[in-house]
Amino acid sequence: MLKGLGGLGDMAKIMKQAQEMQSKMAELQAGMDKINVVGQSGAGMVVATTSAKGELKSLEIDQSLFRPEDKEVVEDLIVAAIKDAQAKAAEAHQAEMAKLTEGLGLPPGMKLPF
């Protein structure tokens, strides 16, 4: 079809691959809301659940932590659980991106989106 145009045939192929990748990226981003990860702190006394995008979905706190003198400890445990869940969300996101980009032949360590 584009045989006589030299490298333009390759360019058309690359553009098609880029469009397919863009479509897959949109699907992946939409799917990140459906993947839930759980972070914990205080040996499971505080549990935070986030989407793979890092959006906090729920927070569970063990009833034994509800004493006024432990307020600061509980607050620290909540922050730690949320950070744990967000870190796991980032890992889940990277794993999904790796699945998407594994067939592209990108150099190791190259991350998308650019």
PDB file of N, CA and C in Angstrom:
ATOM      1  N   MET A   1       0.828  -1.195   0.000  1.00  0.00           N
ATOM      2  CA  MET A   1       0.000   0.000   0.000  1.00  0.00           C
ATOM      3  C   MET A   1       0.871   1.258   0.000  1.00  0.00           C
ATOM      4  N   LEU A   2       1.740   1.377   0.977  1.00  0.00           N
ATOM      5  CA  LEU A   2       2.623   2.540   1.037  1.00  0.00           C
ATOM      6  C   LEU A   2       4.048   2.161   0.658  1.00  0.00           C
ATOM      7  N   LYS A   3       4.171   1.124  -0.163  1.00  0.00           N
ATOM      8  CA  LYS A   3       5.470   0.579  -0.508  1.00  0.00           C
ATOM      9  C   LYS A   3       6.398   1.621  -1.121  1.00  0.00           C
ATOM     10  N   GLY A   4       5.900   2.452  -1.984  1.00  0.00           N
ATOM     11  CA  GLY A   4       6.732   3.436  -2.663  1.00  0.00           C
ATOM     12  C   GLY A   4       7.062   4.656  -1.825  1.00  0.00           C
ATOM     13  N   LEU A   5       6.542   4.737  -0.606  1.00  0.00           N
ATOM     14  CA  LEU A   5       6.749   5.933   0.211  1.00  0.00           C
ATOM     15  C   LEU A   5       7.863   5.752   1.243  1.00  0.00           C
ATOM     16  N   GLY A   6       8.612   4.677   1.149  1.00  0.00           N
ATOM     17  CA  GLY A   6       9.741   4.489   2.051  1.00  0.00           C
ATOM     18  C   GLY A   6       9.315   4.295   3.496  1.00  0.00           C
ATOM     19  N   GLY A   7       9.838   5.139   4.382  1.00  0.00           N
ATOM     20  CA  GLY A   7       9.607   5.025   5.817  1.00  0.00           C
ATOM     21  C   GLY A   7       8.228   5.433   6.274  1.00  0.00           C
ATOM     22  N   LEU A   8       7.420   5.982   5.388  1.00  0.00           N
ATOM     23  CA  LEU A   8       6.086   6.419   5.808  1.00  0.00           C
ATOM     24  C   LEU A   8       5.202   5.249   6.210  1.00  0.00           C
ATOM     25  N   GLY A   9       5.418   4.083   5.595  1.00  0.00           N
ATOM     26  CA  GLY A   9       4.654   2.898   5.987  1.00  0.00           C
ATOM     27  C   GLY A   9       4.935   2.529   7.429  1.00  0.00           C
ATOM     28  N   ASP A  10       6.207   2.610   7.818  1.00  0.00           N
ATOM     29  CA  ASP A  10       6.578   2.340   9.203  1.00  0.00           C
ATOM     30  C   ASP A  10       5.968   3.373  10.141  1.00  0.00           C
ATOM     31  N   MET A  11       5.928   4.616   9.684  1.00  0.00           N
ATOM     32  CA  MET A  11       5.352   5.689  10.497  1.00  0.00           C
ATOM     33  C   MET A  11       3.864   5.439  10.716  1.00  0.00           C
ATOM     34  N   ALA A  12       3.177   4.996   9.678  1.00  0.00           N
ATOM     35  CA  ALA A  12       1.747   4.699   9.803  1.00  0.00           C
ATOM     36  C   ALA A  12       1.540   3.571  10.809  1.00  0.00           C
ATOM     37  N   LYS A  13       2.411   2.584  10.771  1.00  0.00           N
ATOM     38  CA  LYS A  13       2.325   1.461  11.723  1.00  0.00           C
ATOM     39  C   LYS A  13       2.540   1.963  13.155  1.00  0.00           C
ATOM     40  N   ILE A  14       3.519   2.829  13.320  1.00  0.00           N
ATOM     41  CA  ILE A  14       3.811   3.394  14.647  1.00  0.00           C
ATOM     42  C   ILE A  14       2.627   4.223  15.145  1.00  0.00           C
ATOM     43  N   MET A  15       2.034   4.996  14.255  1.00  0.00           N
ATOM     44  CA  MET A  15       0.877   5.815  14.652  1.00  0.00           C
ATOM     45  C   MET A  15      -0.294   4.934  15.058  1.00  0.00           C
ATOM     46  N   LYS A  16      -0.498   3.842  14.341  1.00  0.00           N
ATOM     47  CA  LYS A  16      -1.581   2.922  14.689  1.00  0.00           C
ATOM     48  C   LYS A  16      -1.321   2.303  16.059  1.00  0.00           C
ATOM     49  N   GLN A  17      -0.078   1.901  16.318  1.00  0.00           N
ATOM     50  CA  GLN A  17       0.281   1.341  17.612  1.00  0.00           C
ATOM     51  C   GLN A  17       0.073   2.367  18.727  1.00  0.00           C
ATOM     52  N   ALA A  18       0.410   3.625  18.446  1.00  0.00           N
ATOM     53  CA  ALA A  18       0.230   4.684  19.442  1.00  0.00           C
ATOM     54  C   ALA A  18      -1.247   4.880  19.758  1.00  0.00           C
ATOM     55  N   GLN A  19      -2.090   4.820  18.747  1.00  0.00           N
ATOM     56  CA  GLN A  19      -3.529   4.963  18.969  1.00  0.00           C
ATOM     57  C   GLN A  19      -4.064   3.790  19.779  1.00  0.00           C
ATOM     58  N   GLU A  20      -3.597   2.579  19.464  1.00  0.00           N
ATOM     59  CA  GLU A  20      -4.020   1.400  20.222  1.00  0.00           C
ATOM     60  C   GLU A  20      -3.576   1.529  21.681  1.00  0.00           C
ATOM     61  N   MET A  21      -2.352   2.001  21.875  1.00  0.00           N
ATOM     62  CA  MET A  21      -1.820   2.184  23.225  1.00  0.00           C
ATOM     63  C   MET A  21      -2.637   3.214  23.992  1.00  0.00           C
ATOM     64  N   GLN A  22      -3.023   4.287  23.323  1.00  0.00           N
ATOM     65  CA  GLN A  22      -3.826   5.324  23.971  1.00  0.00           C
ATOM     66  C   GLN A  22      -5.163   4.754  24.411  1.00  0.00           C
ATOM     67  N   SER A  23      -5.752   3.931  23.573  1.00  0.00           N
ATOM     68  CA  SER A  23      -7.027   3.298  23.907  1.00  0.00           C
ATOM     69  C   SER A  23      -6.862   2.366  25.104  1.00  0.00           C
ATOM     70  N   LYS A  24      -5.795   1.574  25.096  1.00  0.00           N
ATOM     71  CA  LYS A  24      -5.535   0.657  26.210  1.00  0.00           C
ATOM     72  C   LYS A  24      -5.254   1.425  27.499  1.00  0.00           C
ATOM     73  N   MET A  25      -4.554   2.556  27.383  1.00  0.00           N
ATOM     74  CA  MET A  25      -4.269   3.379  28.569  1.00  0.00           C
ATOM     75  C   MET A  25      -5.559   3.910  29.174  1.00  0.00           C
ATOM     76  N   ALA A  26      -6.482   4.335  28.328  1.00  0.00           N
ATOM     77  CA  ALA A  26      -7.768   4.833  28.819  1.00  0.00           C
ATOM     78  C   ALA A  26      -8.526   3.732  29.545  1.00  0.00           C
ATOM     79  N   GLU A  27      -8.502   2.524  28.991  1.00  0.00           N
ATOM     80  CA  GLU A  27      -9.155   1.387  29.639  1.00  0.00           C
ATOM     81  C   GLU A  27      -8.495   1.082  30.984  1.00  0.00           C
ATOM     82  N   LEU A  28      -7.167   1.129  30.998  1.00  0.00           N
ATOM     83  CA  LEU A  28      -6.425   0.858  32.224  1.00  0.00           C
ATOM     84  C   LEU A  28      -6.771   1.880  33.300  1.00  0.00           C
ATOM     85  N   GLN A  29      -6.774   3.155  32.936  1.00  0.00           N
ATOM     86  CA  GLN A  29      -7.094   4.203  33.901  1.00  0.00           C
ATOM     87  C   GLN A  29      -8.503   4.017  34.456  1.00  0.00           C
ATOM     88  N   ALA A  30      -9.444   3.650  33.605  1.00  0.00           N
ATOM     89  CA  ALA A  30     -10.811   3.408  34.068  1.00  0.00           C
ATOM     90  C   ALA A  30     -10.846   2.218  35.013  1.00  0.00           C
ATOM     91  N   GLY A  31     -10.032   1.213  34.748  1.00  0.00           N
ATOM     92  CA  GLY A  31     -10.001   0.016  35.581  1.00  0.00           C
ATOM     93  C   GLY A  31      -9.344   0.220  36.929  1.00  0.00           C
ATOM     94  N   MET A  32      -8.539   1.272  37.079  1.00  0.00           N
ATOM     95  CA  MET A  32      -7.847   1.518  38.345  1.00  0.00           C
ATOM     96  C   MET A  32      -8.827   1.776  39.490  1.00  0.00           C
ATOM     97  N   ASP A  33     -10.011   2.279  39.177  1.00  0.00           N
ATOM     98  CA  ASP A  33     -11.014   2.506  40.219  1.00  0.00           C
ATOM     99  C   ASP A  33     -11.581   1.196  40.746  1.00  0.00           C
ATOM    100  N   LYS A  34     -11.483   0.128  39.948  1.00  0.00           N
ATOM    101  CA  LYS A  34     -12.064  -1.151  40.329  1.00  0.00           C
ATOM    102  C   LYS A  34     -11.096  -2.024  41.119  1.00  0.00           C
ATOM    103  N   ILE A  35      -9.810  -1.669  41.105  1.00  0.00           N
ATOM    104  CA  ILE A  35      -8.807  -2.428  41.850  1.00  0.00           C
ATOM    105  C   ILE A  35      -8.671  -1.809  43.237  1.00  0.00           C
ATOM    106  N   ASN A  36      -8.915  -2.607  44.263  1.00  0.00           N
ATOM    107  CA  ASN A  36      -8.789  -2.128  45.636  1.00  0.00           C
ATOM    108  C   ASN A  36      -7.558  -2.747  46.285  1.00  0.00           C
ATOM    109  N   VAL A  37      -6.844  -1.942  47.051  1.00  0.00           N
ATOM    110  CA  VAL A  37      -5.710  -2.412  47.836  1.00  0.00           C
ATOM    111  C   VAL A  37      -5.941  -2.030  49.281  1.00  0.00           C
ATOM    112  N   VAL A  38      -5.368  -2.835  50.192  1.00  0.00           N
ATOM    113  CA  VAL A  38      -5.589  -2.634  51.617  1.00  0.00           C
ATOM    114  C   VAL A  38      -4.261  -2.357  52.297  1.00  0.00           C
ATOM    115  N   GLY A  39      -4.214  -1.292  53.099  1.00  0.00           N
ATOM    116  CA  GLY A  39      -3.049  -0.963  53.902  1.00  0.00           C
ATOM    117  C   GLY A  39      -3.406  -1.082  55.369  1.00  0.00           C
ATOM    118  N   GLN A  40      -2.422  -1.478  56.182  1.00  0.00           N
ATOM    119  CA  GLN A  40      -2.669  -1.678  57.609  1.00  0.00           C
ATOM    120  C   GLN A  40      -1.591  -1.006  58.445  1.00  0.00           C
ATOM    121  N   SER A  41      -1.943  -0.745  59.689  1.00  0.00           N
ATOM    122  CA  SER A  41      -0.965  -0.293  60.676  1.00  0.00           C
ATOM    123  C   SER A  41      -1.419  -0.789  62.034  1.00  0.00           C
ATOM    124  N   GLY A  42      -0.494  -0.759  62.980  1.00  0.00           N
ATOM    125  CA  GLY A  42      -0.836  -1.194  64.331  1.00  0.00           C
ATOM    126  C   GLY A  42      -1.287  -2.642  64.376  1.00  0.00           C
ATOM    127  N   ALA A  43      -0.600  -3.515  63.652  1.00  0.00           N
ATOM    128  CA  ALA A  43      -0.928  -4.947  63.596  1.00  0.00           C
ATOM    129  C   ALA A  43      -2.378  -5.170  63.193  1.00  0.00           C
ATOM    130  N   GLY A  44      -2.854  -4.377  62.249  1.00  0.00           N
ATOM    131  CA  GLY A  44      -4.212  -4.543  61.735  1.00  0.00           C
ATOM    132  C   GLY A  44      -5.281  -3.808  62.522  1.00  0.00           C
ATOM    133  N   MET A  45      -4.881  -2.976  63.475  1.00  0.00           N
ATOM    134  CA  MET A  45      -5.867  -2.235  64.269  1.00  0.00           C
ATOM    135  C   MET A  45      -6.485  -1.105  63.454  1.00  0.00           C
ATOM    136  N   VAL A  46      -5.751  -0.617  62.462  1.00  0.00           N
ATOM    137  CA  VAL A  46      -6.272   0.392  61.535  1.00  0.00           C
ATOM    138  C   VAL A  46      -6.054  -0.150  60.127  1.00  0.00           C
ATOM    139  N   VAL A  47      -7.133  -0.203  59.345  1.00  0.00           N
ATOM    140  CA  VAL A  47      -7.079  -0.741  57.992  1.00  0.00           C
ATOM    141  C   VAL A  47      -7.680   0.289  57.034  1.00  0.00           C
ATOM    142  N   ALA A  48      -6.896   0.660  56.013  1.00  0.00           N
ATOM    143  CA  ALA A  48      -7.359   1.609  55.004  1.00  0.00           C
ATOM    144  C   ALA A  48      -7.436   0.889  53.660  1.00  0.00           C
ATOM    145  N   THR A  49      -8.524   1.107  52.942  1.00  0.00           N
ATOM    146  CA  THR A  49      -8.694   0.541  51.608  1.00  0.00           C
ATOM    147  C   THR A  49      -8.746   1.682  50.610  1.00  0.00           C
ATOM    148  N   THR A  50      -7.923   1.576  49.562  1.00  0.00           N
ATOM    149  CA  THR A  50      -7.901   2.600  48.519  1.00  0.00           C
ATOM    150  C   THR A  50      -8.067   1.933  47.154  1.00  0.00           C
ATOM    151  N   SER A  51      -8.418   2.749  46.168  1.00  0.00           N
ATOM    152  CA  SER A  51      -8.388   2.273  44.786  1.00  0.00           C
ATOM    153  C   SER A  51      -6.939   2.267  44.345  1.00  0.00           C
ATOM    154  N   ALA A  52      -6.649   1.646  43.208  1.00  0.00           N
ATOM    155  CA  ALA A  52      -5.284   1.657  42.683  1.00  0.00           C
ATOM    156  C   ALA A  52      -4.855   3.063  42.269  1.00  0.00           C
ATOM    157  N   LYS A  53      -5.822   3.973  42.167  1.00  0.00           N
ATOM    158  CA  LYS A  53      -5.490   5.382  41.906  1.00  0.00           C
ATOM    159  C   LYS A  53      -5.080   6.094  43.184  1.00  0.00           C
ATOM    160  N   GLY A  54      -5.265   5.434  44.331  1.00  0.00           N
ATOM    161  CA  GLY A  54      -4.888   6.031  45.613  1.00  0.00           C
ATOM    162  C   GLY A  54      -6.028   6.719  46.326  1.00  0.00           C
ATOM    163  N   GLU A  55      -7.242   6.627  45.801  1.00  0.00           N
ATOM    164  CA  GLU A  55      -8.405   7.253  46.423  1.00  0.00           C
ATOM    165  C   GLU A  55      -8.862   6.411  47.607  1.00  0.00           C
ATOM    166  N   LEU A  56      -8.980   7.026  48.771  1.00  0.00           N
ATOM    167  CA  LEU A  56      -9.413   6.328  49.979  1.00  0.00           C
ATOM    168  C   LEU A  56     -10.861   5.899  49.833  1.00  0.00           C
ATOM    169  N   LYS A  57     -11.107   4.591  49.995  1.00  0.00           N
ATOM    170  CA  LYS A  57     -12.457   4.038  49.857  1.00  0.00           C
ATOM    171  C   LYS A  57     -13.095   3.762  51.213  1.00  0.00           C
ATOM    172  N   SER A  58     -12.301   3.232  52.148  1.00  0.00           N
ATOM    173  CA  SER A  58     -12.847   2.951  53.474  1.00  0.00           C
ATOM    174  C   SER A  58     -11.729   2.952  54.506  1.00  0.00           C
ATOM    175  N   LEU A  59     -12.136   3.095  55.756  1.00  0.00           N
ATOM    176  CA  LEU A  59     -11.216   3.117  56.882  1.00  0.00           C
ATOM    177  C   LEU A  59     -11.863   2.353  58.029  1.00  0.00           C
ATOM    178  N   GLU A  60     -11.162   1.366  58.569  1.00  0.00           N
ATOM    179  CA  GLU A  60     -11.669   0.582  59.696  1.00  0.00           C
ATOM    180  C   GLU A  60     -10.722   0.760  60.875  1.00  0.00           C
ATOM    181  N   ILE A  61     -11.311   1.021  62.052  1.00  0.00           N
ATOM    182  CA  ILE A  61     -10.509   1.232  63.254  1.00  0.00           C
ATOM    183  C   ILE A  61     -11.014   0.292  64.339  1.00  0.00           C
ATOM    184  N   ASP A  62     -10.102  -0.474  64.919  1.00  0.00           N
ATOM    185  CA  ASP A  62     -10.449  -1.397  65.996  1.00  0.00           C
ATOM    186  C   ASP A  62     -10.989  -0.611  67.186  1.00  0.00           C
ATOM    187  N   GLN A  63     -12.052  -1.107  67.780  1.00  0.00           N
ATOM    188  CA  GLN A  63     -12.702  -0.390  68.883  1.00  0.00           C
ATOM    189  C   GLN A  63     -11.812  -0.185  70.094  1.00  0.00           C
ATOM    190  N   SER A  64     -10.820  -1.038  70.277  1.00  0.00           N
ATOM    191  CA  SER A  64      -9.946  -0.906  71.443  1.00  0.00           C
ATOM    192  C   SER A  64      -9.127   0.382  71.410  1.00  0.00           C
ATOM    193  N   LEU A  65      -9.084   1.038  70.280  1.00  0.00           N
ATOM    194  CA  LEU A  65      -8.302   2.273  70.154  1.00  0.00           C
ATOM    195  C   LEU A  65      -9.068   3.521  70.583  1.00  0.00           C
ATOM    196  N   PHE A  66     -10.319   3.382  70.910  1.00  0.00           N
ATOM    197  CA  PHE A  66     -11.135   4.552  71.223  1.00  0.00           C
ATOM    198  C   PHE A  66     -11.074   4.936  72.700  1.00  0.00           C
ATOM    199  N   ARG A  67      -9.915   5.393  73.099  1.00  0.00           N
ATOM    200  CA  ARG A  67      -9.738   5.960  74.436  1.00  0.00           C
ATOM    201  C   ARG A  67      -9.148   7.348  74.257  1.00  0.00           C
ATOM    202  N   PRO A  68      -9.671   8.338  74.944  1.00  0.00           N
ATOM    203  CA  PRO A  68      -9.212   9.717  74.753  1.00  0.00           C
ATOM    204  C   PRO A  68      -7.698   9.904  74.896  1.00  0.00           C
ATOM    205  N   GLU A  69      -7.093   9.179  75.800  1.00  0.00           N
ATOM    206  CA  GLU A  69      -5.655   9.358  76.016  1.00  0.00           C
ATOM    207  C   GLU A  69      -4.811   8.798  74.857  1.00  0.00           C
ATOM    208  N   ASP A  70      -5.419   8.006  73.981  1.00  0.00           N
ATOM    209  CA  ASP A  70      -4.704   7.427  72.843  1.00  0.00           C
ATOM    210  C   ASP A  70      -4.967   8.167  71.530  1.00  0.00           C
ATOM    211  N   LYS A  71      -5.554   9.348  71.602  1.00  0.00           N
ATOM    212  CA  LYS A  71      -5.946  10.081  70.400  1.00  0.00           C
ATOM    213  C   LYS A  71      -4.792  10.252  69.410  1.00  0.00           C
ATOM    214  N   GLU A  72      -3.640  10.693  69.868  1.00  0.00           N
ATOM    215  CA  GLU A  72      -2.512  10.929  68.971  1.00  0.00           C
ATOM    216  C   GLU A  72      -1.996   9.627  68.349  1.00  0.00           C
ATOM    217  N   VAL A  73      -1.996   8.563  69.134  1.00  0.00           N
ATOM    218  CA  VAL A  73      -1.563   7.262  68.615  1.00  0.00           C
ATOM    219  C   VAL A  73      -2.502   6.812  67.502  1.00  0.00           C
ATOM    220  N   VAL A  74      -3.807   6.963  67.719  1.00  0.00           N
ATOM    221  CA  VAL A  74      -4.792   6.570  66.705  1.00  0.00           C
ATOM    222  C   VAL A  74      -4.611   7.399  65.442  1.00  0.00           C
ATOM    223  N   GLU A  75      -4.414   8.673  65.592  1.00  0.00           N
ATOM    224  CA  GLU A  75      -4.202   9.536  64.427  1.00  0.00           C
ATOM    225  C   GLU A  75      -2.965   9.097  63.636  1.00  0.00           C
ATOM    226  N   ASP A  76      -1.881   8.771  64.337  1.00  0.00           N
ATOM    227  CA  ASP A  76      -0.668   8.305  63.669  1.00  0.00           C
ATOM    228  C   ASP A  76      -0.905   6.973  62.958  1.00  0.00           C
ATOM    229  N   LEU A  77      -1.663   6.079  63.583  1.00  0.00           N
ATOM    230  CA  LEU A  77      -1.966   4.790  62.967  1.00  0.00           C
ATOM    231  C   LEU A  77      -2.824   4.966  61.712  1.00  0.00           C
ATOM    232  N   ILE A  78      -3.740   5.907  61.754  1.00  0.00           N
ATOM    233  CA  ILE A  78      -4.581   6.177  60.581  1.00  0.00           C
ATOM    234  C   ILE A  78      -3.722   6.667  59.416  1.00  0.00           C
ATOM    235  N   VAL A  79      -2.846   7.613  59.683  1.00  0.00           N
ATOM    236  CA  VAL A  79      -1.963   8.137  58.641  1.00  0.00           C
ATOM    237  C   VAL A  79      -1.080   7.012  58.090  1.00  0.00           C
ATOM    238  N   ALA A  80      -0.547   6.170  58.967  1.00  0.00           N
ATOM    239  CA  ALA A  80       0.319   5.070  58.524  1.00  0.00           C
ATOM    240  C   ALA A  80      -0.453   4.079  57.656  1.00  0.00           C
ATOM    241  N   ALA A  81      -1.689   3.756  58.018  1.00  0.00           N
ATOM    242  CA  ALA A  81      -2.500   2.818  57.229  1.00  0.00           C
ATOM    243  C   ALA A  81      -2.807   3.395  55.853  1.00  0.00           C
ATOM    244  N   ILE A  82      -3.127   4.682  55.809  1.00  0.00           N
ATOM    245  CA  ILE A  82      -3.423   5.320  54.520  1.00  0.00           C
ATOM    246  C   ILE A  82      -2.167   5.347  53.646  1.00  0.00           C
ATOM    247  N   LYS A  83      -1.030   5.675  54.216  1.00  0.00           N
ATOM    248  CA  LYS A  83       0.211   5.683  53.444  1.00  0.00           C
ATOM    249  C   LYS A  83       0.536   4.286  52.922  1.00  0.00           C
ATOM    250  N   ASP A  84       0.311   3.268  53.738  1.00  0.00           N
ATOM    251  CA  ASP A  84       0.556   1.890  53.325  1.00  0.00           C
ATOM    252  C   ASP A  84      -0.349   1.527  52.148  1.00  0.00           C
ATOM    253  N   ALA A  85      -1.622   1.885  52.258  1.00  0.00           N
ATOM    254  CA  ALA A  85      -2.569   1.589  51.173  1.00  0.00           C
ATOM    255  C   ALA A  85      -2.196   2.341  49.902  1.00  0.00           C
ATOM    256  N   GLN A  86      -1.782   3.593  50.026  1.00  0.00           N
ATOM    257  CA  GLN A  86      -1.400   4.372  48.846  1.00  0.00           C
ATOM    258  C   GLN A  86      -0.145   3.806  48.187  1.00  0.00           C
ATOM    259  N   ALA A  87       0.810   3.330  48.984  1.00  0.00           N
ATOM    260  CA  ALA A  87       2.014   2.718  48.422  1.00  0.00           C
ATOM    261  C   ALA A  87       1.648   1.450  47.653  1.00  0.00           C
ATOM    262  N   LYS A  88       0.745   0.660  48.223  1.00  0.00           N
ATOM    263  CA  LYS A  88       0.305  -0.554  47.544  1.00  0.00           C
ATOM    264  C   LYS A  88      -0.492  -0.212  46.284  1.00  0.00           C
ATOM    265  N   ALA A  89      -1.230   0.881  46.324  1.00  0.00           N
ATOM    266  CA  ALA A  89      -1.971   1.328  45.140  1.00  0.00           C
ATOM    267  C   ALA A  89      -0.997   1.694  44.024  1.00  0.00           C
ATOM    268  N   ALA A  90       0.073   2.369  44.370  1.00  0.00           N
ATOM    269  CA  ALA A  90       1.079   2.734  43.368  1.00  0.00           C
ATOM    270  C   ALA A  90       1.721   1.491  42.768  1.00  0.00           C
ATOM    271  N   GLU A  91       1.983   0.481  43.602  1.00  0.00           N
ATOM    272  CA  GLU A  91       2.544  -0.778  43.105  1.00  0.00           C
ATOM    273  C   GLU A  91       1.567  -1.471  42.164  1.00  0.00           C
ATOM    274  N   ALA A  92       0.291  -1.497  42.531  1.00  0.00           N
ATOM    275  CA  ALA A  92      -0.728  -2.121  41.686  1.00  0.00           C
ATOM    276  C   ALA A  92      -0.826  -1.387  40.355  1.00  0.00           C
ATOM    277  N   HIS A  93      -0.759  -0.077  40.409  1.00  0.00           N
ATOM    278  CA  HIS A  93      -0.824   0.734  39.183  1.00  0.00           C
ATOM    279  C   HIS A  93       0.363   0.417  38.282  1.00  0.00           C
ATOM    280  N   GLN A  94       1.558   0.345  38.863  1.00  0.00           N
ATOM    281  CA  GLN A  94       2.761   0.037  38.074  1.00  0.00           C
ATOM    282  C   GLN A  94       2.672  -1.364  37.479  1.00  0.00           C
ATOM    283  N   ALA A  95       2.137  -2.320  38.234  1.00  0.00           N
ATOM    284  CA  ALA A  95       1.995  -3.686  37.728  1.00  0.00           C
ATOM    285  C   ALA A  95       1.048  -3.717  36.528  1.00  0.00           C
ATOM    286  N   GLU A  96      -0.041  -2.978  36.608  1.00  0.00           N
ATOM    287  CA  GLU A  96      -0.991  -2.926  35.501  1.00  0.00           C
ATOM    288  C   GLU A  96      -0.363  -2.247  34.284  1.00  0.00           C
ATOM    289  N   MET A  97       0.404  -1.199  34.509  1.00  0.00           N
ATOM    290  CA  MET A  97       1.085  -0.515  33.410  1.00  0.00           C
ATOM    291  C   MET A  97       2.112  -1.442  32.762  1.00  0.00           C
ATOM    292  N   ALA A  98       2.812  -2.229  33.576  1.00  0.00           N
ATOM    293  CA  ALA A  98       3.813  -3.155  33.045  1.00  0.00           C
ATOM    294  C   ALA A  98       3.150  -4.184  32.133  1.00  0.00           C
ATOM    295  N   LYS A  99       1.972  -4.660  32.524  1.00  0.00           N
ATOM    296  CA  LYS A  99       1.240  -5.612  31.683  1.00  0.00           C
ATOM    297  C   LYS A  99       0.898  -4.970  30.346  1.00  0.00           C
ATOM    298  N   LEU A 100       0.504  -3.730  30.392  1.00  0.00           N
ATOM    299  CA  LEU A 100       0.088  -3.017  29.193  1.00  0.00           C
ATOM    300  C   LEU A 100       1.256  -2.771  28.243  1.00  0.00           C
ATOM    301  N   THR A 101       2.405  -2.448  28.789  1.00  0.00           N
ATOM    302  CA  THR A 101       3.531  -2.022  27.958  1.00  0.00           C
ATOM    303  C   THR A 101       4.534  -3.126  27.657  1.00  0.00           C
ATOM    304  N   GLU A 102       4.325  -4.342  28.159  1.00  0.00           N
ATOM    305  CA  GLU A 102       5.341  -5.380  27.999  1.00  0.00           C
ATOM    306  C   GLU A 102       5.622  -5.736  26.539  1.00  0.00           C
ATOM    307  N   GLY A 103       4.673  -5.598  25.654  1.00  0.00           N
ATOM    308  CA  GLY A 103       4.889  -5.943  24.259  1.00  0.00           C
ATOM    309  C   GLY A 103       5.439  -4.812  23.403  1.00  0.00           C
ATOM    310  N   LEU A 104       5.703  -3.672  24.001  1.00  0.00           N
ATOM    311  CA  LEU A 104       6.153  -2.521  23.224  1.00  0.00           C
ATOM    312  C   LEU A 104       7.653  -2.467  22.994  1.00  0.00           C
ATOM    313  N   GLY A 105       8.413  -3.248  23.744  1.00  0.00           N
ATOM    314  CA  GLY A 105       9.857  -3.214  23.583  1.00  0.00           C
ATOM    315  C   GLY A 105      10.495  -1.949  24.119  1.00  0.00           C
ATOM    316  N   LEU A 106       9.905  -1.360  25.154  1.00  0.00           N
ATOM    317  CA  LEU A 106      10.479  -0.154  25.751  1.00  0.00           C
ATOM    318  C   LEU A 106      11.735  -0.509  26.541  1.00  0.00           C
ATOM    319  N   PRO A 107      12.677   0.408  26.650  1.00  0.00           N
ATOM    320  CA  PRO A 107      13.876   0.147  27.450  1.00  0.00           C
ATOM    321  C   PRO A 107      13.508  -0.093  28.911  1.00  0.00           C
ATOM    322  N   PRO A 108      14.251  -0.945  29.633  1.00  0.00           N
ATOM    323  CA  PRO A 108      13.968  -1.193  31.041  1.00  0.00           C
ATOM    324  C   PRO A 108      13.960   0.108  31.842  1.00  0.00           C
ATOM    325  N   GLY A 109      12.994   0.235  32.731  1.00  0.00           N
ATOM    326  CA  GLY A 109      12.899   1.415  33.582  1.00  0.00           C
ATOM    327  C   GLY A 109      12.140   2.568  32.977  1.00  0.00           C
ATOM    328  N   MET A 110      11.810   2.503  31.712  1.00  0.00           N
ATOM    329  CA  MET A 110      11.057   3.577  31.078  1.00  0.00           C
ATOM    330  C   MET A 110       9.593   3.469  31.523  1.00  0.00           C
ATOM    331  N   LYS A 111       9.054   4.541  32.038  1.00  0.00           N
ATOM    332  CA  LYS A 111       7.719   4.527  32.591  1.00  0.00           C
ATOM    333  C   LYS A 111       6.778   5.348  31.723  1.00  0.00           C
ATOM    334  N   LEU A 112       5.531   4.894  31.660  1.00  0.00           N
ATOM    335  CA  LEU A 112       4.485   5.623  30.968  1.00  0.00           C
ATOM    336  C   LEU A 112       3.438   6.046  31.979  1.00  0.00           C
ATOM    337  N   PRO A 113       2.697   7.082  31.801  1.00  0.00           N
ATOM    338  CA  PRO A 113       2.866   8.051  30.727  1.00  0.00           C
ATOM    339  C   PRO A 113       4.124   8.862  30.931  1.00  0.00           C
ATOM    340  N   PHE A 114       4.619   9.408  29.840  1.00  0.00           N
ATOM    341  CA  PHE A 114       5.922  10.086  29.846  1.00  0.00           C
ATOM    342  C   PHE A 114       5.941  11.271  30.724  1.00  0.00           C
TER     343      PHE A 114
END
